[in-house]
């Protein structure tokens, strides 16, 4: 019995599987390299300044969005009334940056 063929491409299935494995390996290697470059950049003064600047801008933007959203503003007001101190913009900016940096360093990007 002959090798199985992909009906869309007419190519042998085994060849397509090998191509996908190779592509995945290349993508993973590229992601790791990007992560290493990012790690190195963040250790430099310019990288730290960039992250700080983006964090400040993102914090400001999130705070503006919350302020302009009646429902979100009501939730923030309620939390403040019961004594919960929260810096939504700062917290969200830090979470977003931390998540993105982790994904890059883990090779998921």
PDB file of N, CA and C in Angstrom:
ATOM      1  N   UNK A   1       0.847  -1.182   0.000  1.00  0.00           N
ATOM      2  CA  UNK A   1       0.000   0.000   0.000  1.00  0.00           C
ATOM      3  C   UNK A   1       0.892   1.246   0.000  1.00  0.00           C
ATOM      4  N   UNK A   2       0.569   2.266  -0.801  1.00  0.00           N
ATOM      5  CA  UNK A   2       1.375   3.468  -0.932  1.00  0.00           C
ATOM      6  C   UNK A   2       1.205   4.383   0.274  1.00  0.00           C
ATOM      7  N   UNK A   3       2.019   5.430   0.312  1.00  0.00           N
ATOM      8  CA  UNK A   3       1.924   6.378   1.422  1.00  0.00           C
ATOM      9  C   UNK A   3       0.660   7.222   1.272  1.00  0.00           C
ATOM     10  N   UNK A   4       0.163   7.653   2.412  1.00  0.00           N
ATOM     11  CA  UNK A   4      -1.054   8.470   2.403  1.00  0.00           C
ATOM     12  C   UNK A   4      -0.728   9.861   1.895  1.00  0.00           C
ATOM     13  N   UNK A   5      -1.706  10.440   1.205  1.00  0.00           N
ATOM     14  CA  UNK A   5      -1.507  11.735   0.560  1.00  0.00           C
ATOM     15  C   UNK A   5      -2.532  12.729   1.103  1.00  0.00           C
ATOM     16  N   UNK A   6      -2.072  13.957   1.301  1.00  0.00           N
ATOM     17  CA  UNK A   6      -2.971  15.032   1.722  1.00  0.00           C
ATOM     18  C   UNK A   6      -3.853  15.399   0.536  1.00  0.00           C
ATOM     19  N   UNK A   7      -5.186  15.361   0.709  1.00  0.00           N
ATOM     20  CA  UNK A   7      -6.071  15.641  -0.426  1.00  0.00           C
ATOM     21  C   UNK A   7      -5.985  17.087  -0.938  1.00  0.00           C
ATOM     22  N   UNK A   8      -5.633  18.017  -0.075  1.00  0.00           N
ATOM     23  CA  UNK A   8      -5.564  19.425  -0.498  1.00  0.00           C
ATOM     24  C   UNK A   8      -4.320  19.716  -1.328  1.00  0.00           C
ATOM     25  N   UNK A   9      -3.185  19.168  -0.879  1.00  0.00           N
ATOM     26  CA  UNK A   9      -1.918  19.513  -1.531  1.00  0.00           C
ATOM     27  C   UNK A   9      -1.395  18.435  -2.460  1.00  0.00           C
ATOM     28  N   UNK A  10      -1.853  17.200  -2.241  1.00  0.00           N
ATOM     29  CA  UNK A  10      -1.342  16.084  -3.029  1.00  0.00           C
ATOM     30  C   UNK A  10       0.026  15.607  -2.572  1.00  0.00           C
ATOM     31  N   UNK A  11       0.520  16.166  -1.465  1.00  0.00           N
ATOM     32  CA  UNK A  11       1.826  15.790  -0.933  1.00  0.00           C
ATOM     33  C   UNK A  11       1.673  14.662   0.086  1.00  0.00           C
ATOM     34  N   UNK A  12       2.693  13.855   0.235  1.00  0.00           N
ATOM     35  CA  UNK A  12       2.638  12.778   1.228  1.00  0.00           C
ATOM     36  C   UNK A  12       2.438  13.349   2.641  1.00  0.00           C
ATOM     37  N   UNK A  13       1.579  12.728   3.426  1.00  0.00           N
ATOM     38  CA  UNK A  13       1.281  13.197   4.781  1.00  0.00           C
ATOM     39  C   UNK A  13       2.529  13.230   5.657  1.00  0.00           C
ATOM     40  N   UNK A  14       3.384  12.236   5.511  1.00  0.00           N
ATOM     41  CA  UNK A  14       4.600  12.195   6.327  1.00  0.00           C
ATOM     42  C   UNK A  14       5.478  13.409   6.053  1.00  0.00           C
ATOM     43  N   UNK A  15       5.555  13.829   4.811  1.00  0.00           N
ATOM     44  CA  UNK A  15       6.350  15.000   4.447  1.00  0.00           C
ATOM     45  C   UNK A  15       5.758  16.261   5.099  1.00  0.00           C
ATOM     46  N   UNK A  16       4.435  16.376   5.083  1.00  0.00           N
ATOM     47  CA  UNK A  16       3.782  17.530   5.700  1.00  0.00           C
ATOM     48  C   UNK A  16       4.007  17.539   7.212  1.00  0.00           C
ATOM     49  N   UNK A  17       3.948  16.357   7.837  1.00  0.00           N
ATOM     50  CA  UNK A  17       4.196  16.270   9.286  1.00  0.00           C
ATOM     51  C   UNK A  17       5.622  16.731   9.607  1.00  0.00           C
ATOM     52  N   UNK A  18       6.572  16.287   8.830  1.00  0.00           N
ATOM     53  CA  UNK A  18       7.968  16.674   9.058  1.00  0.00           C
ATOM     54  C   UNK A  18       8.146  18.183   8.891  1.00  0.00           C
ATOM     55  N   UNK A  19       7.478  18.749   7.880  1.00  0.00           N
ATOM     56  CA  UNK A  19       7.559  20.192   7.667  1.00  0.00           C
ATOM     57  C   UNK A  19       6.997  20.952   8.872  1.00  0.00           C
ATOM     58  N   UNK A  20       5.878  20.470   9.405  1.00  0.00           N
ATOM     59  CA  UNK A  20       5.278  21.131  10.572  1.00  0.00           C
ATOM     60  C   UNK A  20       6.185  21.041  11.789  1.00  0.00           C
ATOM     61  N   UNK A  21       6.798  19.901  11.998  1.00  0.00           N
ATOM     62  CA  UNK A  21       7.721  19.728  13.125  1.00  0.00           C
ATOM     63  C   UNK A  21       8.900  20.674  12.975  1.00  0.00           C
ATOM     64  N   UNK A  22       9.445  20.766  11.790  1.00  0.00           N
ATOM     65  CA  UNK A  22      10.584  21.659  11.554  1.00  0.00           C
ATOM     66  C   UNK A  22      10.184  23.122  11.752  1.00  0.00           C
ATOM     67  N   UNK A  23       9.005  23.488  11.254  1.00  0.00           N
ATOM     68  CA  UNK A  23       8.519  24.859  11.400  1.00  0.00           C
ATOM     69  C   UNK A  23       8.333  25.196  12.878  1.00  0.00           C
ATOM     70  N   UNK A  24       7.726  24.271  13.628  1.00  0.00           N
ATOM     71  CA  UNK A  24       7.523  24.483  15.060  1.00  0.00           C
ATOM     72  C   UNK A  24       8.862  24.653  15.779  1.00  0.00           C
ATOM     73  N   UNK A  25       9.831  23.859  15.431  1.00  0.00           N
ATOM     74  CA  UNK A  25      11.160  23.948  16.051  1.00  0.00           C
ATOM     75  C   UNK A  25      11.809  25.296  15.729  1.00  0.00           C
ATOM     76  N   UNK A  26      11.678  25.745  14.488  1.00  0.00           N
ATOM     77  CA  UNK A  26      12.227  27.044  14.098  1.00  0.00           C
ATOM     78  C   UNK A  26      11.554  28.175  14.858  1.00  0.00           C
ATOM     79  N   UNK A  27      10.220  28.094  14.981  1.00  0.00           N
ATOM     80  CA  UNK A  27       9.478  29.132  15.701  1.00  0.00           C
ATOM     81  C   UNK A  27       9.884  29.167  17.172  1.00  0.00           C
ATOM     82  N   UNK A  28      10.047  28.003  17.770  1.00  0.00           N
ATOM     83  CA  UNK A  28      10.454  27.936  19.173  1.00  0.00           C
ATOM     84  C   UNK A  28      11.847  28.519  19.361  1.00  0.00           C
ATOM     85  N   UNK A  29      12.747  28.187  18.445  1.00  0.00           N
ATOM     86  CA  UNK A  29      14.110  28.708  18.516  1.00  0.00           C
ATOM     87  C   UNK A  29      14.109  30.231  18.366  1.00  0.00           C
ATOM     88  N   UNK A  30      13.285  30.732  17.459  1.00  0.00           N
ATOM     89  CA  UNK A  30      13.184  32.166  17.248  1.00  0.00           C
ATOM     90  C   UNK A  30      12.609  32.859  18.486  1.00  0.00           C
ATOM     91  N   UNK A  31      11.597  32.261  19.105  1.00  0.00           N
ATOM     92  CA  UNK A  31      11.007  32.822  20.321  1.00  0.00           C
ATOM     93  C   UNK A  31      12.018  32.877  21.448  1.00  0.00           C
ATOM     94  N   UNK A  32      12.809  31.827  21.587  1.00  0.00           N
ATOM     95  CA  UNK A  32      13.835  31.815  22.627  1.00  0.00           C
ATOM     96  C   UNK A  32      14.866  32.904  22.376  1.00  0.00           C
ATOM     97  N   UNK A  33      15.245  33.069  21.134  1.00  0.00           N
ATOM     98  CA  UNK A  33      16.225  34.109  20.795  1.00  0.00           C
ATOM     99  C   UNK A  33      15.658  35.490  21.114  1.00  0.00           C
ATOM    100  N   UNK A  34      14.383  35.712  20.799  1.00  0.00           N
ATOM    101  CA  UNK A  34      13.743  36.983  21.114  1.00  0.00           C
ATOM    102  C   UNK A  34      13.705  37.202  22.614  1.00  0.00           C
ATOM    103  N   UNK A  35      13.417  36.137  23.355  1.00  0.00           N
ATOM    104  CA  UNK A  35      13.397  36.225  24.809  1.00  0.00           C
ATOM    105  C   UNK A  35      14.757  36.598  25.366  1.00  0.00           C
ATOM    106  N   UNK A  36      15.820  35.992  24.819  1.00  0.00           N
ATOM    107  CA  UNK A  36      17.169  36.315  25.273  1.00  0.00           C
ATOM    108  C   UNK A  36      17.514  37.771  24.968  1.00  0.00           C
ATOM    109  N   UNK A  37      17.129  38.230  23.776  1.00  0.00           N
ATOM    110  CA  UNK A  37      17.398  39.626  23.411  1.00  0.00           C
ATOM    111  C   UNK A  37      16.640  40.568  24.334  1.00  0.00           C
ATOM    112  N   UNK A  38      15.377  40.215  24.645  1.00  0.00           N
ATOM    113  CA  UNK A  38      14.577  41.057  25.524  1.00  0.00           C
ATOM    114  C   UNK A  38      15.176  41.080  26.925  1.00  0.00           C
ATOM    115  N   UNK A  39      15.564  39.913  27.432  1.00  0.00           N
ATOM    116  CA  UNK A  39      16.188  39.852  28.754  1.00  0.00           C
ATOM    117  C   UNK A  39      17.435  40.739  28.798  1.00  0.00           C
ATOM    118  N   UNK A  40      18.236  40.651  27.753  1.00  0.00           N
ATOM    119  CA  UNK A  40      19.460  41.457  27.692  1.00  0.00           C
ATOM    120  C   UNK A  40      19.119  42.943  27.624  1.00  0.00           C
ATOM    121  N   UNK A  41      18.121  43.286  26.836  1.00  0.00           N
ATOM    122  CA  UNK A  41      17.731  44.688  26.685  1.00  0.00           C
ATOM    123  C   UNK A  41      17.212  45.257  27.998  1.00  0.00           C
ATOM    124  N   UNK A  42      16.473  44.451  28.759  1.00  0.00           N
ATOM    125  CA  UNK A  42      15.909  44.941  30.008  1.00  0.00           C
ATOM    126  C   UNK A  42      16.967  45.121  31.088  1.00  0.00           C
ATOM    127  N   UNK A  43      18.095  44.488  30.909  1.00  0.00           N
ATOM    128  CA  UNK A  43      19.188  44.681  31.858  1.00  0.00           C
ATOM    129  C   UNK A  43      19.943  45.971  31.568  1.00  0.00           C
ATOM    130  N   UNK A  44      19.742  46.502  30.383  1.00  0.00           N
ATOM    131  CA  UNK A  44      20.364  47.768  29.997  1.00  0.00           C
ATOM    132  C   UNK A  44      19.504  48.915  30.515  1.00  0.00           C
ATOM    133  N   UNK A  45      20.123  50.037  30.751  1.00  0.00           N
ATOM    134  CA  UNK A  45      19.417  51.219  31.252  1.00  0.00           C
ATOM    135  C   UNK A  45      18.299  51.652  30.297  1.00  0.00           C
ATOM    136  N   UNK A  46      18.576  51.646  28.980  1.00  0.00           N
ATOM    137  CA  UNK A  46      17.568  52.061  28.005  1.00  0.00           C
ATOM    138  C   UNK A  46      16.336  51.163  28.058  1.00  0.00           C
ATOM    139  N   UNK A  47      16.541  49.864  28.231  1.00  0.00           N
ATOM    140  CA  UNK A  47      15.420  48.932  28.312  1.00  0.00           C
ATOM    141  C   UNK A  47      14.563  49.189  29.533  1.00  0.00           C
ATOM    142  N   UNK A  48      15.209  49.442  30.664  1.00  0.00           N
ATOM    143  CA  UNK A  48      14.457  49.731  31.894  1.00  0.00           C
ATOM    144  C   UNK A  48      13.687  51.038  31.764  1.00  0.00           C
ATOM    145  N   UNK A  49      14.299  52.015  31.130  1.00  0.00           N
ATOM    146  CA  UNK A  49      13.615  53.301  30.922  1.00  0.00           C
ATOM    147  C   UNK A  49      12.405  53.115  30.015  1.00  0.00           C
ATOM    148  N   UNK A  50      12.568  52.326  28.963  1.00  0.00           N
ATOM    149  CA  UNK A  50      11.456  52.071  28.046  1.00  0.00           C
ATOM    150  C   UNK A  50      10.290  51.401  28.767  1.00  0.00           C
ATOM    151  N   UNK A  51      10.576  50.365  29.543  1.00  0.00           N
ATOM    152  CA  UNK A  51       9.511  49.675  30.264  1.00  0.00           C
ATOM    153  C   UNK A  51       8.831  50.626  31.243  1.00  0.00           C
ATOM    154  N   UNK A  52       9.607  51.437  31.936  1.00  0.00           N
ATOM    155  CA  UNK A  52       9.043  52.397  32.897  1.00  0.00           C
ATOM    156  C   UNK A  52       8.136  53.400  32.177  1.00  0.00           C
ATOM    157  N   UNK A  53       8.595  53.899  31.052  1.00  0.00           N
ATOM    158  CA  UNK A  53       7.802  54.874  30.287  1.00  0.00           C
ATOM    159  C   UNK A  53       6.494  54.265  29.788  1.00  0.00           C
ATOM    160  N   UNK A  54       6.576  53.066  29.231  1.00  0.00           N
ATOM    161  CA  UNK A  54       5.366  52.391  28.730  1.00  0.00           C
ATOM    162  C   UNK A  54       4.426  52.103  29.890  1.00  0.00           C
ATOM    163  N   UNK A  55       4.967  51.663  31.027  1.00  0.00           N
ATOM    164  CA  UNK A  55       4.134  51.387  32.207  1.00  0.00           C
ATOM    165  C   UNK A  55       3.381  52.652  32.630  1.00  0.00           C
ATOM    166  N   UNK A  56       4.068  53.776  32.657  1.00  0.00           N
ATOM    167  CA  UNK A  56       3.435  55.038  33.055  1.00  0.00           C
ATOM    168  C   UNK A  56       2.342  55.436  32.071  1.00  0.00           C
ATOM    169  N   UNK A  57       2.619  55.291  30.775  1.00  0.00           N
ATOM    170  CA  UNK A  57       1.629  55.651  29.756  1.00  0.00           C
ATOM    171  C   UNK A  57       0.417  54.719  29.828  1.00  0.00           C
ATOM    172  N   UNK A  58       0.674  53.435  29.992  1.00  0.00           N
ATOM    173  CA  UNK A  58      -0.415  52.462  30.085  1.00  0.00           C
ATOM    174  C   UNK A  58      -1.237  52.696  31.346  1.00  0.00           C
ATOM    175  N   UNK A  59      -0.578  53.008  32.448  1.00  0.00           N
ATOM    176  CA  UNK A  59      -1.277  53.316  33.698  1.00  0.00           C
ATOM    177  C   UNK A  59      -2.223  54.491  33.493  1.00  0.00           C
ATOM    178  N   UNK A  60      -1.718  55.537  32.885  1.00  0.00           N
ATOM    179  CA  UNK A  60      -2.528  56.733  32.644  1.00  0.00           C
ATOM    180  C   UNK A  60      -3.730  56.400  31.753  1.00  0.00           C
ATOM    181  N   UNK A  61      -3.484  55.612  30.713  1.00  0.00           N
ATOM    182  CA  UNK A  61      -4.562  55.269  29.775  1.00  0.00           C
ATOM    183  C   UNK A  61      -5.632  54.413  30.438  1.00  0.00           C
ATOM    184  N   UNK A  62      -5.232  53.428  31.219  1.00  0.00           N
ATOM    185  CA  UNK A  62      -6.208  52.578  31.915  1.00  0.00           C
ATOM    186  C   UNK A  62      -7.023  53.420  32.891  1.00  0.00           C
ATOM    187  N   UNK A  63      -6.358  54.315  33.620  1.00  0.00           N
ATOM    188  CA  UNK A  63      -7.080  55.193  34.552  1.00  0.00           C
ATOM    189  C   UNK A  63      -8.098  56.055  33.818  1.00  0.00           C
ATOM    190  N   UNK A  64      -7.728  56.567  32.643  1.00  0.00           N
ATOM    191  CA  UNK A  64      -8.663  57.369  31.850  1.00  0.00           C
ATOM    192  C   UNK A  64      -9.859  56.534  31.395  1.00  0.00           C
ATOM    193  N   UNK A  65      -9.597  55.310  30.943  1.00  0.00           N
ATOM    194  CA  UNK A  65     -10.686  54.443  30.490  1.00  0.00           C
ATOM    195  C   UNK A  65     -11.639  54.107  31.625  1.00  0.00           C
ATOM    196  N   UNK A  66     -11.090  53.827  32.799  1.00  0.00           N
ATOM    197  CA  UNK A  66     -11.937  53.515  33.958  1.00  0.00           C
ATOM    198  C   UNK A  66     -12.758  54.732  34.340  1.00  0.00           C
ATOM    199  N   UNK A  67     -12.121  55.901  34.347  1.00  0.00           N
ATOM    200  CA  UNK A  67     -12.823  57.140  34.713  1.00  0.00           C
ATOM    201  C   UNK A  67     -13.966  57.436  33.741  1.00  0.00           C
ATOM    202  N   UNK A  68     -13.747  57.161  32.455  1.00  0.00           N
ATOM    203  CA  UNK A  68     -14.751  57.455  31.437  1.00  0.00           C
ATOM    204  C   UNK A  68     -15.854  56.401  31.357  1.00  0.00           C
ATOM    205  N   UNK A  69     -15.680  55.285  32.035  1.00  0.00           N
ATOM    206  CA  UNK A  69     -16.670  54.212  32.019  1.00  0.00           C
ATOM    207  C   UNK A  69     -17.476  54.278  33.319  1.00  0.00           C
ATOM    208  N   UNK A  70     -18.764  54.573  33.199  1.00  0.00           N
ATOM    209  CA  UNK A  70     -19.614  54.759  34.376  1.00  0.00           C
ATOM    210  C   UNK A  70     -19.645  53.522  35.274  1.00  0.00           C
ATOM    211  N   UNK A  71     -19.739  52.360  34.673  1.00  0.00           N
ATOM    212  CA  UNK A  71     -19.809  51.117  35.457  1.00  0.00           C
ATOM    213  C   UNK A  71     -18.501  50.872  36.205  1.00  0.00           C
ATOM    214  N   UNK A  72     -17.383  51.018  35.511  1.00  0.00           N
ATOM    215  CA  UNK A  72     -16.088  50.814  36.155  1.00  0.00           C
ATOM    216  C   UNK A  72     -15.871  51.846  37.257  1.00  0.00           C
ATOM    217  N   UNK A  73     -16.255  53.085  37.000  1.00  0.00           N
ATOM    218  CA  UNK A  73     -16.118  54.134  38.006  1.00  0.00           C
ATOM    219  C   UNK A  73     -16.942  53.817  39.246  1.00  0.00           C
ATOM    220  N   UNK A  74     -18.120  53.272  39.038  1.00  0.00           N
ATOM    221  CA  UNK A  74     -18.980  52.900  40.173  1.00  0.00           C
ATOM    222  C   UNK A  74     -18.315  51.798  41.002  1.00  0.00           C
ATOM    223  N   UNK A  75     -17.714  50.832  40.341  1.00  0.00           N
ATOM    224  CA  UNK A  75     -17.029  49.758  41.071  1.00  0.00           C
ATOM    225  C   UNK A  75     -15.853  50.308  41.887  1.00  0.00           C
ATOM    226  N   UNK A  76     -15.079  51.196  41.274  1.00  0.00           N
ATOM    227  CA  UNK A  76     -13.943  51.792  41.971  1.00  0.00           C
ATOM    228  C   UNK A  76     -14.440  52.591  43.171  1.00  0.00           C
ATOM    229  N   UNK A  77     -15.488  53.356  42.976  1.00  0.00           N
ATOM    230  CA  UNK A  77     -16.055  54.163  44.068  1.00  0.00           C
ATOM    231  C   UNK A  77     -16.526  53.259  45.203  1.00  0.00           C
ATOM    232  N   UNK A  78     -17.188  52.173  44.861  1.00  0.00           N
ATOM    233  CA  UNK A  78     -17.668  51.233  45.870  1.00  0.00           C
ATOM    234  C   UNK A  78     -16.493  50.653  46.664  1.00  0.00           C
ATOM    235  N   UNK A  79     -15.455  50.246  45.967  1.00  0.00           N
ATOM    236  CA  UNK A  79     -14.277  49.701  46.651  1.00  0.00           C
ATOM    237  C   UNK A  79     -13.653  50.732  47.588  1.00  0.00           C
ATOM    238  N   UNK A  80     -13.554  51.963  47.129  1.00  0.00           N
ATOM    239  CA  UNK A  80     -12.978  53.022  47.964  1.00  0.00           C
ATOM    240  C   UNK A  80     -13.838  53.274  49.198  1.00  0.00           C
ATOM    241  N   UNK A  81     -15.149  53.221  49.029  1.00  0.00           N
ATOM    242  CA  UNK A  81     -16.071  53.458  50.147  1.00  0.00           C
ATOM    243  C   UNK A  81     -15.948  52.390  51.232  1.00  0.00           C
ATOM    244  N   UNK A  82     -15.588  51.176  50.850  1.00  0.00           N
ATOM    245  CA  UNK A  82     -15.443  50.122  51.854  1.00  0.00           C
ATOM    246  C   UNK A  82     -13.992  49.980  52.315  1.00  0.00           C
ATOM    247  N   UNK A  83     -13.160  50.929  51.885  1.00  0.00           N
ATOM    248  CA  UNK A  83     -11.799  50.977  52.391  1.00  0.00           C
ATOM    249  C   UNK A  83     -10.755  50.216  51.596  1.00  0.00           C
ATOM    250  N   UNK A  84     -11.113  49.754  50.433  1.00  0.00           N
ATOM    251  CA  UNK A  84     -10.140  49.034  49.605  1.00  0.00           C
ATOM    252  C   UNK A  84      -9.371  50.058  48.780  1.00  0.00           C
ATOM    253  N   UNK A  85      -8.060  50.052  48.975  1.00  0.00           N
ATOM    254  CA  UNK A  85      -7.209  50.957  48.199  1.00  0.00           C
ATOM    255  C   UNK A  85      -6.757  50.199  46.962  1.00  0.00           C
ATOM    256  N   UNK A  86      -7.007  50.792  45.817  1.00  0.00           N
ATOM    257  CA  UNK A  86      -6.637  50.124  44.576  1.00  0.00           C
ATOM    258  C   UNK A  86      -6.155  51.154  43.560  1.00  0.00           C
ATOM    259  N   UNK A  87      -5.082  50.821  42.906  1.00  0.00           N
ATOM    260  CA  UNK A  87      -4.554  51.643  41.816  1.00  0.00           C
ATOM    261  C   UNK A  87      -4.745  50.818  40.547  1.00  0.00           C
ATOM    262  N   UNK A  88      -5.920  50.915  39.965  1.00  0.00           N
ATOM    263  CA  UNK A  88      -6.290  50.047  38.850  1.00  0.00           C
ATOM    264  C   UNK A  88      -5.333  50.195  37.676  1.00  0.00           C
ATOM    265  N   UNK A  89      -5.087  51.411  37.269  1.00  0.00           N
ATOM    266  CA  UNK A  89      -4.213  51.621  36.117  1.00  0.00           C
ATOM    267  C   UNK A  89      -2.834  51.032  36.346  1.00  0.00           C
ATOM    268  N   UNK A  90      -2.252  51.335  37.495  1.00  0.00           N
ATOM    269  CA  UNK A  90      -0.904  50.845  37.812  1.00  0.00           C
ATOM    270  C   UNK A  90      -0.895  49.316  37.916  1.00  0.00           C
ATOM    271  N   UNK A  91      -1.904  48.771  38.602  1.00  0.00           N
ATOM    272  CA  UNK A  91      -1.983  47.318  38.779  1.00  0.00           C
ATOM    273  C   UNK A  91      -2.119  46.608  37.441  1.00  0.00           C
ATOM    274  N   UNK A  92      -3.006  47.104  36.589  1.00  0.00           N
ATOM    275  CA  UNK A  92      -3.216  46.464  35.286  1.00  0.00           C
ATOM    276  C   UNK A  92      -1.984  46.601  34.403  1.00  0.00           C
ATOM    277  N   UNK A  93      -1.362  47.762  34.416  1.00  0.00           N
ATOM    278  CA  UNK A  93      -0.148  47.954  33.610  1.00  0.00           C
ATOM    279  C   UNK A  93       0.938  46.980  34.048  1.00  0.00           C
ATOM    280  N   UNK A  94       1.126  46.837  35.349  1.00  0.00           N
ATOM    281  CA  UNK A  94       2.153  45.918  35.847  1.00  0.00           C
ATOM    282  C   UNK A  94       1.832  44.471  35.495  1.00  0.00           C
ATOM    283  N   UNK A  95       0.554  44.098  35.605  1.00  0.00           N
ATOM    284  CA  UNK A  95       0.169  42.724  35.253  1.00  0.00           C
ATOM    285  C   UNK A  95       0.382  42.441  33.776  1.00  0.00           C
ATOM    286  N   UNK A  96      -0.012  43.385  32.941  1.00  0.00           N
ATOM    287  CA  UNK A  96       0.132  43.200  31.494  1.00  0.00           C
ATOM    288  C   UNK A  96       1.609  43.075  31.124  1.00  0.00           C
ATOM    289  N   UNK A  97       2.424  43.973  31.635  1.00  0.00           N
ATOM    290  CA  UNK A  97       3.851  43.939  31.311  1.00  0.00           C
ATOM    291  C   UNK A  97       4.487  42.656  31.836  1.00  0.00           C
ATOM    292  N   UNK A  98       4.161  42.286  33.058  1.00  0.00           N
ATOM    293  CA  UNK A  98       4.724  41.062  33.636  1.00  0.00           C
ATOM    294  C   UNK A  98       4.330  39.839  32.816  1.00  0.00           C
ATOM    295  N   UNK A  99       3.062  39.766  32.409  1.00  0.00           N
ATOM    296  CA  UNK A  99       2.600  38.627  31.617  1.00  0.00           C
ATOM    297  C   UNK A  99       3.312  38.569  30.275  1.00  0.00           C
ATOM    298  N   UNK A 100       3.426  39.698  29.620  1.00  0.00           N
ATOM    299  CA  UNK A 100       4.083  39.725  28.316  1.00  0.00           C
ATOM    300  C   UNK A 100       5.560  39.353  28.423  1.00  0.00           C
ATOM    301  N   UNK A 101       6.230  39.886  29.430  1.00  0.00           N
ATOM    302  CA  UNK A 101       7.642  39.561  29.608  1.00  0.00           C
ATOM    303  C   UNK A 101       7.828  38.086  29.922  1.00  0.00           C
ATOM    304  N   UNK A 102       6.924  37.518  30.716  1.00  0.00           N
ATOM    305  CA  UNK A 102       7.015  36.092  31.051  1.00  0.00           C
ATOM    306  C   UNK A 102       6.805  35.242  29.802  1.00  0.00           C
ATOM    307  N   UNK A 103       5.816  35.604  28.975  1.00  0.00           N
ATOM    308  CA  UNK A 103       5.555  34.826  27.762  1.00  0.00           C
ATOM    309  C   UNK A 103       6.757  34.872  26.830  1.00  0.00           C
ATOM    310  N   UNK A 104       7.384  36.024  26.713  1.00  0.00           N
ATOM    311  CA  UNK A 104       8.550  36.134  25.838  1.00  0.00           C
ATOM    312  C   UNK A 104       9.700  35.304  26.403  1.00  0.00           C
ATOM    313  N   UNK A 105       9.934  35.423  27.711  1.00  0.00           N
ATOM    314  CA  UNK A 105      11.060  34.677  28.290  1.00  0.00           C
ATOM    315  C   UNK A 105      10.788  33.176  28.324  1.00  0.00           C
ATOM    316  N   UNK A 106       9.509  32.770  28.352  1.00  0.00           N
ATOM    317  CA  UNK A 106       9.159  31.349  28.317  1.00  0.00           C
ATOM    318  C   UNK A 106       9.161  30.804  26.891  1.00  0.00           C
ATOM    319  N   UNK A 107       9.360  31.667  25.913  1.00  0.00           N
ATOM    320  CA  UNK A 107       9.393  31.227  24.526  1.00  0.00           C
ATOM    321  C   UNK A 107       8.023  31.046  23.919  1.00  0.00           C
ATOM    322  N   UNK A 108       7.003  31.642  24.517  1.00  0.00           N
ATOM    323  CA  UNK A 108       5.646  31.516  23.973  1.00  0.00           C
ATOM    324  C   UNK A 108       5.357  32.566  22.914  1.00  0.00           C
ATOM    325  N   UNK A 109       6.301  33.460  22.692  1.00  0.00           N
ATOM    326  CA  UNK A 109       6.135  34.490  21.656  1.00  0.00           C
ATOM    327  C   UNK A 109       7.333  34.517  20.775  1.00  0.00           C
TER     328      UNK A 109
END
